[in-house]
Amino acid sequence: MARGDRRAQGLARVAVVVRAGTAPMWWLGVVAAGVGVLVPGLTGRRIGVMAGAALFIVAAAVVALVRRKRYTALARAATRAGRHDVLQDRAVTVRAWRRGHRWWLLLAFAAALGSAFALPAAGGMLLAGCGAGLRLKAAWLGRLERTEDALLWVRVDWLAGNGGRPAGAAVKAYRSTGIAAGDAAPGGARRRAAALV
């Protein structure tokens, strides 16, 4: 966003958007892996679980590290949020992401279950690894916010139609607020009640 554009905008927390997929991916992956262990599969359970463990680690690392330079550049160029900007609640942001990704999540879960017939548990562990990677990325964003002593926000209309991609090509800049703004703590977690008082 150009610095001269000071019109009021609806803003969503960057870390909340990133973190929104953590729980569904993790739990769907855990369930798929648990069911997958019950299936002998073509390779056998031992090979499937070992392959799944490797996929979990790789997926978590890739998801956690991808586009960090883009996030950092947008954070450094963040402009202060205006007085009339509307800060979106954490629950609204999470609900929008999950509603926008529900079919993708169901397809990923089905694929993870189906892959158990070839590699038991591997597909579920891959999906859980993606969830863990998002959690690590959100934690990294939280450390960045604490270092800068500012929370990072993105214009809602710059997010993808499914409520995601907070560092996508459509995002031109972030907005920033004080560390106490909104109802989410640095990193996108739910702010504790004591911190809201």
C-alpha atoms as a PDB file:
ATOM      1  CA  MET A   1       0.000   0.000   0.000  1.00  0.00           C
ATOM      2  CA  ALA A   2       1.257   3.445  -0.802  1.00  0.00           C
ATOM      3  CA  ARG A   3       2.141   5.489   2.221  1.00  0.00           C
ATOM      4  CA  GLY A   4      -0.208   8.240   1.117  1.00  0.00           C
ATOM      5  CA  ASP A   5      -3.254   5.955   1.201  1.00  0.00           C
ATOM      6  CA  ARG A   6      -4.656   6.477   4.692  1.00  0.00           C
ATOM      7  CA  ARG A   7      -8.245   5.352   4.128  1.00  0.00           C
ATOM      8  CA  ALA A   8      -9.688   3.170   6.883  1.00  0.00           C
ATOM      9  CA  GLN A   9      -9.341  -0.549   6.166  1.00  0.00           C
ATOM     10  CA  GLY A  10     -10.341  -3.830   7.730  1.00  0.00           C
ATOM     11  CA  LEU A  11      -7.146  -5.418   9.076  1.00  0.00           C
ATOM     12  CA  ALA A  12      -6.428  -9.044  10.013  1.00  0.00           C
ATOM     13  CA  ARG A  13      -3.490 -10.178  12.139  1.00  0.00           C
ATOM     14  CA  VAL A  14      -0.779 -11.748   9.983  1.00  0.00           C
ATOM     15  CA  ALA A  15       0.195 -14.297  12.644  1.00  0.00           C
ATOM     16  CA  VAL A  16      -3.441 -15.309  13.184  1.00  0.00           C
ATOM     17  CA  VAL A  17      -3.891 -16.007   9.456  1.00  0.00           C
ATOM     18  CA  VAL A  18      -0.720 -18.129   9.490  1.00  0.00           C
ATOM     19  CA  ARG A  19      -1.723 -19.954  12.662  1.00  0.00           C
ATOM     20  CA  ALA A  20      -5.337 -20.603  11.588  1.00  0.00           C
ATOM     21  CA  GLY A  21      -4.486 -23.860   9.813  1.00  0.00           C
ATOM     22  CA  THR A  22      -2.399 -25.314  12.620  1.00  0.00           C
ATOM     23  CA  ALA A  23      -5.115 -27.135  14.593  1.00  0.00           C
ATOM     24  CA  PRO A  24      -7.113 -28.603  11.687  1.00  0.00           C
ATOM     25  CA  MET A  25      -4.014 -29.834   9.854  1.00  0.00           C
ATOM     26  CA  TRP A  26      -2.468 -31.248  13.024  1.00  0.00           C
ATOM     27  CA  TRP A  27      -5.564 -33.098  14.257  1.00  0.00           C
ATOM     28  CA  LEU A  28      -6.660 -34.354  10.837  1.00  0.00           C
ATOM     29  CA  GLY A  29      -3.094 -35.572  10.320  1.00  0.00           C
ATOM     30  CA  VAL A  30      -2.987 -37.296  13.708  1.00  0.00           C
ATOM     31  CA  VAL A  31      -6.325 -39.035  13.062  1.00  0.00           C
ATOM     32  CA  ALA A  32      -5.260 -40.079   9.543  1.00  0.00           C
ATOM     33  CA  ALA A  33      -1.935 -41.400  10.870  1.00  0.00           C
ATOM     34  CA  GLY A  34      -3.699 -43.286  13.682  1.00  0.00           C
ATOM     35  CA  VAL A  35      -6.103 -44.930  11.268  1.00  0.00           C
ATOM     36  CA  GLY A  36      -3.262 -45.547   8.811  1.00  0.00           C
ATOM     37  CA  VAL A  37      -1.288 -47.532  11.378  1.00  0.00           C
ATOM     38  CA  LEU A  38      -4.150 -50.043  11.478  1.00  0.00           C
ATOM     39  CA  VAL A  39      -3.718 -50.758   7.750  1.00  0.00           C
ATOM     40  CA  PRO A  40      -0.805 -53.087   6.869  1.00  0.00           C
ATOM     41  CA  GLY A  41      -0.254 -51.349   3.529  1.00  0.00           C
ATOM     42  CA  LEU A  42       2.008 -52.420   0.682  1.00  0.00           C
ATOM     43  CA  THR A  43       5.226 -51.551   2.480  1.00  0.00           C
ATOM     44  CA  GLY A  44       4.315 -52.602   6.011  1.00  0.00           C
ATOM     45  CA  ARG A  45       3.755 -50.477   9.101  1.00  0.00           C
ATOM     46  CA  ARG A  46       7.416 -50.065  10.076  1.00  0.00           C
ATOM     47  CA  ILE A  47       8.494 -48.596   6.733  1.00  0.00           C
ATOM     48  CA  GLY A  48       5.342 -46.484   6.551  1.00  0.00           C
ATOM     49  CA  VAL A  49       5.915 -44.949   9.987  1.00  0.00           C
ATOM     50  CA  MET A  50       9.593 -44.304   9.278  1.00  0.00           C
ATOM     51  CA  ALA A  51       8.753 -42.657   5.960  1.00  0.00           C
ATOM     52  CA  GLY A  52       6.031 -40.670   7.730  1.00  0.00           C
ATOM     53  CA  ALA A  53       8.476 -39.436  10.365  1.00  0.00           C
ATOM     54  CA  ALA A  54      10.835 -38.207   7.633  1.00  0.00           C
ATOM     55  CA  LEU A  55       7.934 -36.518   5.799  1.00  0.00           C
ATOM     56  CA  PHE A  56       6.785 -34.894   9.048  1.00  0.00           C
ATOM     57  CA  ILE A  57      10.209 -33.331   9.660  1.00  0.00           C
ATOM     58  CA  VAL A  58      10.647 -32.174   6.065  1.00  0.00           C
ATOM     59  CA  ALA A  59       7.122 -30.728   5.833  1.00  0.00           C
ATOM     60  CA  ALA A  60       7.442 -28.880   9.154  1.00  0.00           C
ATOM     61  CA  ALA A  61      10.797 -27.381   8.131  1.00  0.00           C
ATOM     62  CA  VAL A  62       9.672 -26.346   4.641  1.00  0.00           C
ATOM     63  CA  VAL A  63       6.388 -24.781   5.807  1.00  0.00           C
ATOM     64  CA  ALA A  64       8.114 -22.978   8.693  1.00  0.00           C
ATOM     65  CA  LEU A  65      10.886 -21.527   6.526  1.00  0.00           C
ATOM     66  CA  VAL A  66       9.177 -20.733   3.210  1.00  0.00           C
ATOM     67  CA  ARG A  67       8.791 -17.001   2.355  1.00  0.00           C
ATOM     68  CA  ARG A  68      10.482 -15.739   5.515  1.00  0.00           C
ATOM     69  CA  LYS A  69      12.328 -13.053   3.542  1.00  0.00           C
ATOM     70  CA  ARG A  70       9.010 -11.792   2.188  1.00  0.00           C
ATOM     71  CA  TYR A  71       7.471 -11.634   5.666  1.00  0.00           C
ATOM     72  CA  THR A  72      10.537  -9.831   7.016  1.00  0.00           C
ATOM     73  CA  ALA A  73      10.556  -7.290   4.174  1.00  0.00           C
ATOM     74  CA  LEU A  74       6.844  -6.554   4.624  1.00  0.00           C
ATOM     75  CA  ALA A  75       7.304  -6.214   8.390  1.00  0.00           C
ATOM     76  CA  ARG A  76      10.158  -3.737   8.006  1.00  0.00           C
ATOM     77  CA  ALA A  77       8.095  -1.620   5.594  1.00  0.00           C
ATOM     78  CA  ALA A  78       4.961  -1.672   7.778  1.00  0.00           C
ATOM     79  CA  THR A  79       3.128   1.614   8.224  1.00  0.00           C
ATOM     80  CA  ARG A  80       1.251   2.600  11.367  1.00  0.00           C
ATOM     81  CA  ALA A  81      -2.439   1.652  11.359  1.00  0.00           C
ATOM     82  CA  GLY A  82      -4.806   4.592  11.196  1.00  0.00           C
ATOM     83  CA  ARG A  83      -7.176   5.642  13.932  1.00  0.00           C
ATOM     84  CA  HIS A  84     -10.205   4.514  11.921  1.00  0.00           C
ATOM     85  CA  ASP A  85      -8.816   1.175  10.753  1.00  0.00           C
ATOM     86  CA  VAL A  86     -10.955  -1.774  11.903  1.00  0.00           C
ATOM     87  CA  LEU A  87      -8.994  -4.523  13.643  1.00  0.00           C
ATOM     88  CA  GLN A  88     -10.572  -7.896  12.908  1.00  0.00           C
ATOM     89  CA  ASP A  89     -11.149 -10.222  15.859  1.00  0.00           C
ATOM     90  CA  ARG A  90      -9.016 -13.343  16.050  1.00  0.00           C
ATOM     91  CA  ALA A  91     -12.058 -15.626  15.894  1.00  0.00           C
ATOM     92  CA  VAL A  92     -13.323 -13.947  12.703  1.00  0.00           C
ATOM     93  CA  THR A  93      -9.929 -14.353  10.994  1.00  0.00           C
ATOM     94  CA  VAL A  94      -9.633 -18.014  12.011  1.00  0.00           C
ATOM     95  CA  ARG A  95     -13.215 -18.758  10.934  1.00  0.00           C
ATOM     96  CA  ALA A  96     -12.659 -17.125   7.523  1.00  0.00           C
ATOM     97  CA  TRP A  97      -9.478 -19.155   6.919  1.00  0.00           C
ATOM     98  CA  ARG A  98     -11.047 -22.454   7.959  1.00  0.00           C
ATOM     99  CA  ARG A  99     -14.216 -21.842   5.971  1.00  0.00           C
ATOM    100  CA  GLY A 100     -12.157 -20.923   2.900  1.00  0.00           C
ATOM    101  CA  HIS A 101      -9.953 -24.029   3.214  1.00  0.00           C
ATOM    102  CA  ARG A 102     -12.554 -26.594   4.351  1.00  0.00           C
ATOM    103  CA  TRP A 103     -12.682 -28.493   1.037  1.00  0.00           C
ATOM    104  CA  TRP A 104      -8.898 -28.508   0.738  1.00  0.00           C
ATOM    105  CA  LEU A 105      -8.633 -29.870   4.274  1.00  0.00           C
ATOM    106  CA  LEU A 106     -11.192 -32.613   3.563  1.00  0.00           C
ATOM    107  CA  LEU A 107      -9.377 -33.603   0.364  1.00  0.00           C
ATOM    108  CA  ALA A 108      -6.028 -33.643   2.183  1.00  0.00           C
ATOM    109  CA  PHE A 109      -7.534 -35.813   4.930  1.00  0.00           C
ATOM    110  CA  ALA A 110      -9.023 -38.207   2.386  1.00  0.00           C
ATOM    111  CA  ALA A 111      -5.697 -38.397   0.530  1.00  0.00           C
ATOM    112  CA  ALA A 112      -3.853 -39.066   3.788  1.00  0.00           C
ATOM    113  CA  LEU A 113      -6.265 -41.892   4.625  1.00  0.00           C
ATOM    114  CA  GLY A 114      -6.018 -43.343   1.130  1.00  0.00           C
ATOM    115  CA  SER A 115      -2.226 -43.247   1.117  1.00  0.00           C
ATOM    116  CA  ALA A 116      -2.223 -45.625   4.111  1.00  0.00           C
ATOM    117  CA  PHE A 117      -2.852 -48.513   1.733  1.00  0.00           C
ATOM    118  CA  ALA A 118       0.581 -47.842   0.242  1.00  0.00           C
ATOM    119  CA  LEU A 119       2.530 -46.265   3.145  1.00  0.00           C
ATOM    120  CA  PRO A 120       0.738 -46.712   6.498  1.00  0.00           C
ATOM    121  CA  ALA A 121       0.525 -43.487   8.541  1.00  0.00           C
ATOM    122  CA  ALA A 122       2.826 -41.536   6.191  1.00  0.00           C
ATOM    123  CA  GLY A 123       0.148 -39.298   4.653  1.00  0.00           C
ATOM    124  CA  GLY A 124      -1.270 -38.373   8.041  1.00  0.00           C
ATOM    125  CA  MET A 125       2.176 -37.559   9.411  1.00  0.00           C
ATOM    126  CA  LEU A 126       2.838 -35.370   6.362  1.00  0.00           C
ATOM    127  CA  LEU A 127      -0.380 -33.429   7.000  1.00  0.00           C
ATOM    128  CA  ALA A 128       0.436 -33.110  10.707  1.00  0.00           C
ATOM    129  CA  GLY A 129       3.915 -31.868   9.753  1.00  0.00           C
ATOM    130  CA  CYS A 130       2.356 -29.074   7.688  1.00  0.00           C
ATOM    131  CA  GLY A 131       0.324 -28.054  10.740  1.00  0.00           C
ATOM    132  CA  ALA A 132       3.421 -28.115  12.938  1.00  0.00           C
ATOM    133  CA  GLY A 133       5.256 -25.983  10.371  1.00  0.00           C
ATOM    134  CA  LEU A 134       2.520 -23.349  10.475  1.00  0.00           C
ATOM    135  CA  ARG A 135       2.772 -23.314  14.270  1.00  0.00           C
ATOM    136  CA  LEU A 136       6.539 -22.782  14.048  1.00  0.00           C
ATOM    137  CA  LYS A 137       6.080 -19.987  11.504  1.00  0.00           C
ATOM    138  CA  ALA A 138       3.501 -18.269  13.726  1.00  0.00           C
ATOM    139  CA  ALA A 139       5.897 -18.543  16.694  1.00  0.00           C
ATOM    140  CA  TRP A 140       8.653 -16.994  14.567  1.00  0.00           C
ATOM    141  CA  LEU A 141       6.303 -14.131  13.627  1.00  0.00           C
ATOM    142  CA  GLY A 142       5.543 -13.694  17.325  1.00  0.00           C
ATOM    143  CA  ARG A 143       9.257 -13.292  18.092  1.00  0.00           C
ATOM    144  CA  LEU A 144       9.526 -10.789  15.239  1.00  0.00           C
ATOM    145  CA  GLU A 145       6.593  -8.817  16.660  1.00  0.00           C
ATOM    146  CA  ARG A 146       8.107  -8.800  20.151  1.00  0.00           C
ATOM    147  CA  THR A 147      11.455  -7.637  18.760  1.00  0.00           C
ATOM    148  CA  GLU A 148       9.790  -4.788  16.873  1.00  0.00           C
ATOM    149  CA  ASP A 149       7.382  -4.157  19.783  1.00  0.00           C
ATOM    150  CA  ALA A 150       4.536  -3.983  17.257  1.00  0.00           C
ATOM    151  CA  LEU A 151       1.825  -6.297  15.989  1.00  0.00           C
ATOM    152  CA  LEU A 152       1.604  -6.888  12.227  1.00  0.00           C
ATOM    153  CA  TRP A 153      -1.673  -6.594  10.342  1.00  0.00           C
ATOM    154  CA  VAL A 154      -2.670  -7.138   6.708  1.00  0.00           C
ATOM    155  CA  ARG A 155      -5.569  -5.629   4.817  1.00  0.00           C
ATOM    156  CA  VAL A 156      -8.408  -8.151   4.592  1.00  0.00           C
ATOM    157  CA  ASP A 157      -9.105  -7.275   0.954  1.00  0.00           C
ATOM    158  CA  TRP A 158      -5.504  -8.190   0.075  1.00  0.00           C
ATOM    159  CA  LEU A 159      -5.891 -11.730   1.397  1.00  0.00           C
ATOM    160  CA  ALA A 160      -6.808 -14.516  -1.023  1.00  0.00           C
ATOM    161  CA  GLY A 161     -10.477 -15.360  -1.502  1.00  0.00           C
ATOM    162  CA  ASN A 162     -10.065 -18.257   0.956  1.00  0.00           C
ATOM    163  CA  GLY A 163      -8.742 -15.945   3.684  1.00  0.00           C
ATOM    164  CA  GLY A 164      -5.101 -17.006   3.353  1.00  0.00           C
ATOM    165  CA  ARG A 165      -1.801 -15.906   1.746  1.00  0.00           C
ATOM    166  CA  PRO A 166      -0.848 -13.049   4.135  1.00  0.00           C
ATOM    167  CA  ALA A 167       2.453 -12.653   2.248  1.00  0.00           C
ATOM    168  CA  GLY A 168       1.043 -13.219  -1.241  1.00  0.00           C
ATOM    169  CA  ALA A 169       1.676 -11.096  -4.313  1.00  0.00           C
ATOM    170  CA  ALA A 170      -1.458  -9.011  -3.659  1.00  0.00           C
ATOM    171  CA  VAL A 171      -0.079  -7.842  -0.285  1.00  0.00           C
ATOM    172  CA  LYS A 172       1.848  -4.620  -0.794  1.00  0.00           C
ATOM    173  CA  ALA A 173       2.558  -3.689   2.829  1.00  0.00           C
ATOM    174  CA  TYR A 174       1.611  -4.462   6.397  1.00  0.00           C
ATOM    175  CA  ARG A 175       0.170  -2.138   8.982  1.00  0.00           C
ATOM    176  CA  SER A 176       1.403  -2.110  12.566  1.00  0.00           C
ATOM    177  CA  THR A 177      -0.108  -1.340  15.948  1.00  0.00           C
ATOM    178  CA  GLY A 178       1.048  -1.353  19.541  1.00  0.00           C
ATOM    179  CA  ILE A 179       1.699  -4.711  21.147  1.00  0.00           C
ATOM    180  CA  ALA A 180      -1.540  -4.555  23.201  1.00  0.00           C
ATOM    181  CA  ALA A 181      -3.917  -3.992  20.257  1.00  0.00           C
ATOM    182  CA  GLY A 182      -6.496  -6.598  19.328  1.00  0.00           C
ATOM    183  CA  ASP A 183      -7.447  -9.826  21.070  1.00  0.00           C
ATOM    184  CA  ALA A 184      -4.499 -11.981  19.964  1.00  0.00           C
ATOM    185  CA  ALA A 185      -1.051 -12.114  21.546  1.00  0.00           C
ATOM    186  CA  PRO A 186       2.191 -11.939  19.508  1.00  0.00           C
ATOM    187  CA  GLY A 187       2.341 -15.057  17.361  1.00  0.00           C
ATOM    188  CA  GLY A 188      -1.441 -15.194  16.939  1.00  0.00           C
ATOM    189  CA  ALA A 189      -2.378 -17.157  20.070  1.00  0.00           C
ATOM    190  CA  ARG A 190      -5.473 -16.243  22.029  1.00  0.00           C
ATOM    191  CA  ARG A 191      -4.625 -13.432  24.429  1.00  0.00           C
ATOM    192  CA  ARG A 192      -4.958 -14.428  28.063  1.00  0.00           C
ATOM    193  CA  ALA A 193      -7.785 -12.818  29.984  1.00  0.00           C
ATOM    194  CA  ALA A 194      -5.379 -11.190  32.434  1.00  0.00           C
ATOM    195  CA  ALA A 195      -3.639  -9.423  29.550  1.00  0.00           C
ATOM    196  CA  LEU A 196      -6.936  -7.934  28.341  1.00  0.00           C
ATOM    197  CA  VAL A 197      -7.629  -6.187  31.664  1.00  0.00           C
END
